[in-house]
Amino acid sequence: MFSLDDLDKFAWAFFVILPIVSLIHASGHHFFVWLFGGKGDLIVGKGNELFCIGPIHVHLFYFIDATCYYKGIEEKKRWQRILIHSGGILFNLLSVLVINLFIMQDVFPRSSFFYQFAYFSLYYIFFALLPFDYGENAPSDGKAILLAWKQKK
């Protein structure tokens, strides 16, 4: 049962762990855009921009979301577009596997931090894979993967 004693865990999860998971997800997309010669911006949060370091833009409400904006992947090969759209899912999955490996090797302790990290990462993976539109020209990762798969180019 949730009580006032849990507010610190909630704040930690909401203001630290979830933004880390979102950043890892967006970094996965950004990595593959970069790997295939593209340019993109990684946006952390919403609202007014607080600061910018290279392609990373951090906004006031950093804990709300993270996204990767990129252009010009239409001319990339189908497998490259699929990897770009799968990048966030792959990075989230890889981060959970690496952390679990470190826990099993007693490098990291078993803690609520890592439990919450895995939970939010799997949450991101699950919802990213659902094929739907967030809005006009904004498909989920799952839908973008399907669209790239269907294109013959």
C-alpha atoms as a PDB file:
ATOM      1  CA  MET A   1       0.000   0.000   0.000  1.00  0.00           C
ATOM      2  CA  PHE A   2       1.265   3.473  -0.850  1.00  0.00           C
ATOM      3  CA  SER A   3       1.773   5.772   2.141  1.00  0.00           C
ATOM      4  CA  LEU A   4       3.519   9.041   2.930  1.00  0.00           C
ATOM      5  CA  ASP A   5       6.622   7.037   3.777  1.00  0.00           C
ATOM      6  CA  ASP A   6       6.827   6.097   0.093  1.00  0.00           C
ATOM      7  CA  LEU A   7       6.971   9.680  -1.216  1.00  0.00           C
ATOM      8  CA  ASP A   8      10.763   9.652  -1.275  1.00  0.00           C
ATOM      9  CA  LYS A   9      10.771   6.474  -3.408  1.00  0.00           C
ATOM     10  CA  PHE A  10       8.149   7.997  -5.688  1.00  0.00           C
ATOM     11  CA  ALA A  11      10.159  11.223  -6.081  1.00  0.00           C
ATOM     12  CA  TRP A  12      13.348   9.245  -6.737  1.00  0.00           C
ATOM     13  CA  ALA A  13      11.578   7.106  -9.360  1.00  0.00           C
ATOM     14  CA  PHE A  14       9.803  10.025 -11.011  1.00  0.00           C
ATOM     15  CA  PHE A  15      12.581  12.645 -11.004  1.00  0.00           C
ATOM     16  CA  VAL A  16      15.677  10.433 -11.400  1.00  0.00           C
ATOM     17  CA  ILE A  17      15.009   6.897 -12.672  1.00  0.00           C
ATOM     18  CA  LEU A  18      12.309   7.618 -15.266  1.00  0.00           C
ATOM     19  CA  PRO A  19      14.315  10.455 -16.870  1.00  0.00           C
ATOM     20  CA  ILE A  20      17.380   8.171 -17.039  1.00  0.00           C
ATOM     21  CA  VAL A  21      15.309   5.456 -18.746  1.00  0.00           C
ATOM     22  CA  SER A  22      13.870   7.985 -21.219  1.00  0.00           C
ATOM     23  CA  LEU A  23      17.332   9.369 -21.939  1.00  0.00           C
ATOM     24  CA  ILE A  24      18.666   5.860 -22.581  1.00  0.00           C
ATOM     25  CA  HIS A  25      15.765   5.209 -24.953  1.00  0.00           C
ATOM     26  CA  ALA A  26      16.262   8.425 -26.940  1.00  0.00           C
ATOM     27  CA  SER A  27      20.039   7.846 -26.929  1.00  0.00           C
ATOM     28  CA  GLY A  28      19.467   4.518 -28.655  1.00  0.00           C
ATOM     29  CA  HIS A  29      17.752   6.265 -31.549  1.00  0.00           C
ATOM     30  CA  HIS A  30      20.384   9.004 -31.607  1.00  0.00           C
ATOM     31  CA  PHE A  31      23.225   6.467 -31.620  1.00  0.00           C
ATOM     32  CA  PHE A  32      21.941   4.702 -34.745  1.00  0.00           C
ATOM     33  CA  VAL A  33      21.207   8.008 -36.498  1.00  0.00           C
ATOM     34  CA  TRP A  34      24.824   9.016 -35.796  1.00  0.00           C
ATOM     35  CA  LEU A  35      26.170   5.561 -36.745  1.00  0.00           C
ATOM     36  CA  PHE A  36      24.555   5.797 -40.181  1.00  0.00           C
ATOM     37  CA  GLY A  37      25.831   9.305 -40.833  1.00  0.00           C
ATOM     38  CA  GLY A  38      22.747  11.282 -39.879  1.00  0.00           C
ATOM     39  CA  LYS A  39      22.343  14.330 -37.727  1.00  0.00           C
ATOM     40  CA  GLY A  40      19.838  14.692 -34.965  1.00  0.00           C
ATOM     41  CA  ASP A  41      19.022  16.408 -31.723  1.00  0.00           C
ATOM     42  CA  LEU A  42      18.309  14.659 -28.462  1.00  0.00           C
ATOM     43  CA  ILE A  43      15.700  16.592 -26.474  1.00  0.00           C
ATOM     44  CA  VAL A  44      15.319  15.887 -22.761  1.00  0.00           C
ATOM     45  CA  GLY A  45      12.047  17.147 -21.311  1.00  0.00           C
ATOM     46  CA  LYS A  46       9.542  19.817 -22.220  1.00  0.00           C
ATOM     47  CA  GLY A  47       9.258  23.545 -21.612  1.00  0.00           C
ATOM     48  CA  ASN A  48      11.984  26.160 -21.839  1.00  0.00           C
ATOM     49  CA  GLU A  49      15.466  24.984 -22.712  1.00  0.00           C
ATOM     50  CA  LEU A  50      17.816  25.154 -19.717  1.00  0.00           C
ATOM     51  CA  PHE A  51      21.056  24.310 -21.503  1.00  0.00           C
ATOM     52  CA  CYS A  52      22.492  22.554 -24.513  1.00  0.00           C
ATOM     53  CA  ILE A  53      25.602  20.377 -24.803  1.00  0.00           C
ATOM     54  CA  GLY A  54      26.248  19.508 -28.426  1.00  0.00           C
ATOM     55  CA  PRO A  55      23.153  17.749 -29.769  1.00  0.00           C
ATOM     56  CA  ILE A  56      21.656  17.292 -26.272  1.00  0.00           C
ATOM     57  CA  HIS A  57      19.062  19.901 -25.244  1.00  0.00           C
ATOM     58  CA  VAL A  58      17.862  19.798 -21.629  1.00  0.00           C
ATOM     59  CA  HIS A  59      14.541  21.466 -20.858  1.00  0.00           C
ATOM     60  CA  LEU A  60      12.971  22.681 -17.615  1.00  0.00           C
ATOM     61  CA  PHE A  61      10.645  19.725 -17.176  1.00  0.00           C
ATOM     62  CA  TYR A  62      13.402  17.165 -17.838  1.00  0.00           C
ATOM     63  CA  PHE A  63      11.421  14.356 -16.214  1.00  0.00           C
ATOM     64  CA  ILE A  64       8.505  14.340 -18.676  1.00  0.00           C
ATOM     65  CA  ASP A  65      10.024  12.809 -21.794  1.00  0.00           C
ATOM     66  CA  ALA A  66      13.049  12.492 -24.026  1.00  0.00           C
ATOM     67  CA  THR A  67      12.940  12.429 -27.804  1.00  0.00           C
ATOM     68  CA  CYS A  68      15.315  12.253 -30.725  1.00  0.00           C
ATOM     69  CA  TYR A  69      14.643  14.480 -33.717  1.00  0.00           C
ATOM     70  CA  TYR A  70      16.375  13.565 -36.942  1.00  0.00           C
ATOM     71  CA  LYS A  71      15.973  14.116 -40.650  1.00  0.00           C
ATOM     72  CA  GLY A  72      17.047  12.439 -43.804  1.00  0.00           C
ATOM     73  CA  ILE A  73      16.706   8.786 -42.913  1.00  0.00           C
ATOM     74  CA  GLU A  74      14.242   8.208 -45.740  1.00  0.00           C
ATOM     75  CA  GLU A  75      17.143   7.596 -48.124  1.00  0.00           C
ATOM     76  CA  LYS A  76      18.769   5.078 -45.765  1.00  0.00           C
ATOM     77  CA  LYS A  77      18.460   1.371 -46.419  1.00  0.00           C
ATOM     78  CA  ARG A  78      15.507  -0.449 -44.900  1.00  0.00           C
ATOM     79  CA  TRP A  79      17.614  -2.311 -42.315  1.00  0.00           C
ATOM     80  CA  GLN A  80      19.219   0.983 -41.244  1.00  0.00           C
ATOM     81  CA  ARG A  81      15.819   2.646 -40.750  1.00  0.00           C
ATOM     82  CA  ILE A  82      14.640  -0.386 -38.754  1.00  0.00           C
ATOM     83  CA  LEU A  83      17.709  -0.163 -36.514  1.00  0.00           C
ATOM     84  CA  ILE A  84      17.196   3.583 -36.018  1.00  0.00           C
ATOM     85  CA  HIS A  85      13.569   3.044 -34.997  1.00  0.00           C
ATOM     86  CA  SER A  86      14.541   0.040 -32.842  1.00  0.00           C
ATOM     87  CA  GLY A  87      17.449   1.844 -31.187  1.00  0.00           C
ATOM     88  CA  GLY A  88      15.549   2.988 -28.114  1.00  0.00           C
ATOM     89  CA  ILE A  89      14.105  -0.464 -27.494  1.00  0.00           C
ATOM     90  CA  LEU A  90      17.517  -2.083 -27.974  1.00  0.00           C
ATOM     91  CA  PHE A  91      19.244   0.348 -25.596  1.00  0.00           C
ATOM     92  CA  ASN A  92      16.547  -0.117 -22.931  1.00  0.00           C
ATOM     93  CA  LEU A  93      16.784  -3.894 -23.222  1.00  0.00           C
ATOM     94  CA  LEU A  94      20.574  -3.866 -23.216  1.00  0.00           C
ATOM     95  CA  SER A  95      20.671  -1.617 -20.139  1.00  0.00           C
ATOM     96  CA  VAL A  96      18.391  -4.013 -18.203  1.00  0.00           C
ATOM     97  CA  LEU A  97      20.482  -7.027 -19.245  1.00  0.00           C
ATOM     98  CA  VAL A  98      23.759  -5.328 -18.287  1.00  0.00           C
ATOM     99  CA  ILE A  99      22.422  -4.196 -14.914  1.00  0.00           C
ATOM    100  CA  ASN A 100      21.061  -7.682 -14.196  1.00  0.00           C
ATOM    101  CA  LEU A 101      24.440  -9.166 -15.134  1.00  0.00           C
ATOM    102  CA  PHE A 102      26.160  -6.758 -12.736  1.00  0.00           C
ATOM    103  CA  ILE A 103      23.704  -7.652  -9.981  1.00  0.00           C
ATOM    104  CA  MET A 104      24.277 -11.377 -10.567  1.00  0.00           C
ATOM    105  CA  GLN A 105      28.056 -10.763 -10.418  1.00  0.00           C
ATOM    106  CA  ASP A 106      27.623  -8.783  -7.148  1.00  0.00           C
ATOM    107  CA  VAL A 107      28.980  -5.620  -8.788  1.00  0.00           C
ATOM    108  CA  PHE A 108      25.676  -3.827  -8.114  1.00  0.00           C
ATOM    109  CA  PRO A 109      23.541  -4.492  -5.043  1.00  0.00           C
ATOM    110  CA  ARG A 110      19.964  -5.724  -5.220  1.00  0.00           C
ATOM    111  CA  SER A 111      18.043  -2.525  -4.591  1.00  0.00           C
ATOM    112  CA  SER A 112      14.765  -0.785  -5.308  1.00  0.00           C
ATOM    113  CA  PHE A 113      16.653   1.588  -7.624  1.00  0.00           C
ATOM    114  CA  PHE A 114      17.551  -1.222 -10.030  1.00  0.00           C
ATOM    115  CA  TYR A 115      14.134  -2.835  -9.663  1.00  0.00           C
ATOM    116  CA  GLN A 116      12.449   0.443 -10.609  1.00  0.00           C
ATOM    117  CA  PHE A 117      14.963   0.967 -13.405  1.00  0.00           C
ATOM    118  CA  ALA A 118      14.123  -2.440 -14.897  1.00  0.00           C
ATOM    119  CA  TYR A 119      10.400  -1.845 -14.428  1.00  0.00           C
ATOM    120  CA  PHE A 120      10.434   1.519 -16.231  1.00  0.00           C
ATOM    121  CA  SER A 121      12.716   0.142 -18.964  1.00  0.00           C
ATOM    122  CA  LEU A 122      10.359  -2.757 -19.660  1.00  0.00           C
ATOM    123  CA  TYR A 123       7.445  -0.318 -19.586  1.00  0.00           C
ATOM    124  CA  TYR A 124       9.195   1.776 -22.247  1.00  0.00           C
ATOM    125  CA  ILE A 125       9.930  -1.295 -24.361  1.00  0.00           C
ATOM    126  CA  PHE A 126       6.352  -2.560 -24.189  1.00  0.00           C
ATOM    127  CA  PHE A 127       4.702   0.724 -25.134  1.00  0.00           C
ATOM    128  CA  ALA A 128       7.325   1.578 -27.757  1.00  0.00           C
ATOM    129  CA  LEU A 129       6.571  -1.684 -29.550  1.00  0.00           C
ATOM    130  CA  LEU A 130       2.827  -1.007 -29.811  1.00  0.00           C
ATOM    131  CA  PRO A 131       2.101   0.108 -33.388  1.00  0.00           C
ATOM    132  CA  PHE A 132       0.084   3.340 -33.188  1.00  0.00           C
ATOM    133  CA  ASP A 133       0.315   7.040 -34.029  1.00  0.00           C
ATOM    134  CA  TYR A 134       1.102   9.679 -31.413  1.00  0.00           C
ATOM    135  CA  GLY A 135      -0.162  12.248 -33.876  1.00  0.00           C
ATOM    136  CA  GLU A 136       0.319  13.337 -37.442  1.00  0.00           C
ATOM    137  CA  ASN A 137       3.695  12.101 -38.750  1.00  0.00           C
ATOM    138  CA  ALA A 138       4.571  10.751 -35.300  1.00  0.00           C
ATOM    139  CA  PRO A 139       4.346   6.953 -35.277  1.00  0.00           C
ATOM    140  CA  SER A 140       5.390   4.882 -32.280  1.00  0.00           C
ATOM    141  CA  ASP A 141       8.630   2.960 -32.654  1.00  0.00           C
ATOM    142  CA  GLY A 142       6.640  -0.198 -33.341  1.00  0.00           C
ATOM    143  CA  LYS A 143       4.659   1.419 -36.135  1.00  0.00           C
ATOM    144  CA  ALA A 144       7.768   3.070 -37.606  1.00  0.00           C
ATOM    145  CA  ILE A 145       9.487  -0.338 -37.646  1.00  0.00           C
ATOM    146  CA  LEU A 146       6.493  -1.880 -39.431  1.00  0.00           C
ATOM    147  CA  LEU A 147       6.378   0.955 -41.960  1.00  0.00           C
ATOM    148  CA  ALA A 148      10.107   0.627 -42.652  1.00  0.00           C
ATOM    149  CA  TRP A 149       9.737  -3.147 -43.004  1.00  0.00           C
ATOM    150  CA  LYS A 150       6.913  -2.751 -45.551  1.00  0.00           C
ATOM    151  CA  GLN A 151       8.919  -0.369 -47.729  1.00  0.00           C
ATOM    152  CA  LYS A 152      10.901  -2.279 -50.309  1.00  0.00           C
ATOM    153  CA  LYS A 153      13.734   0.270 -50.624  1.00  0.00           C
END
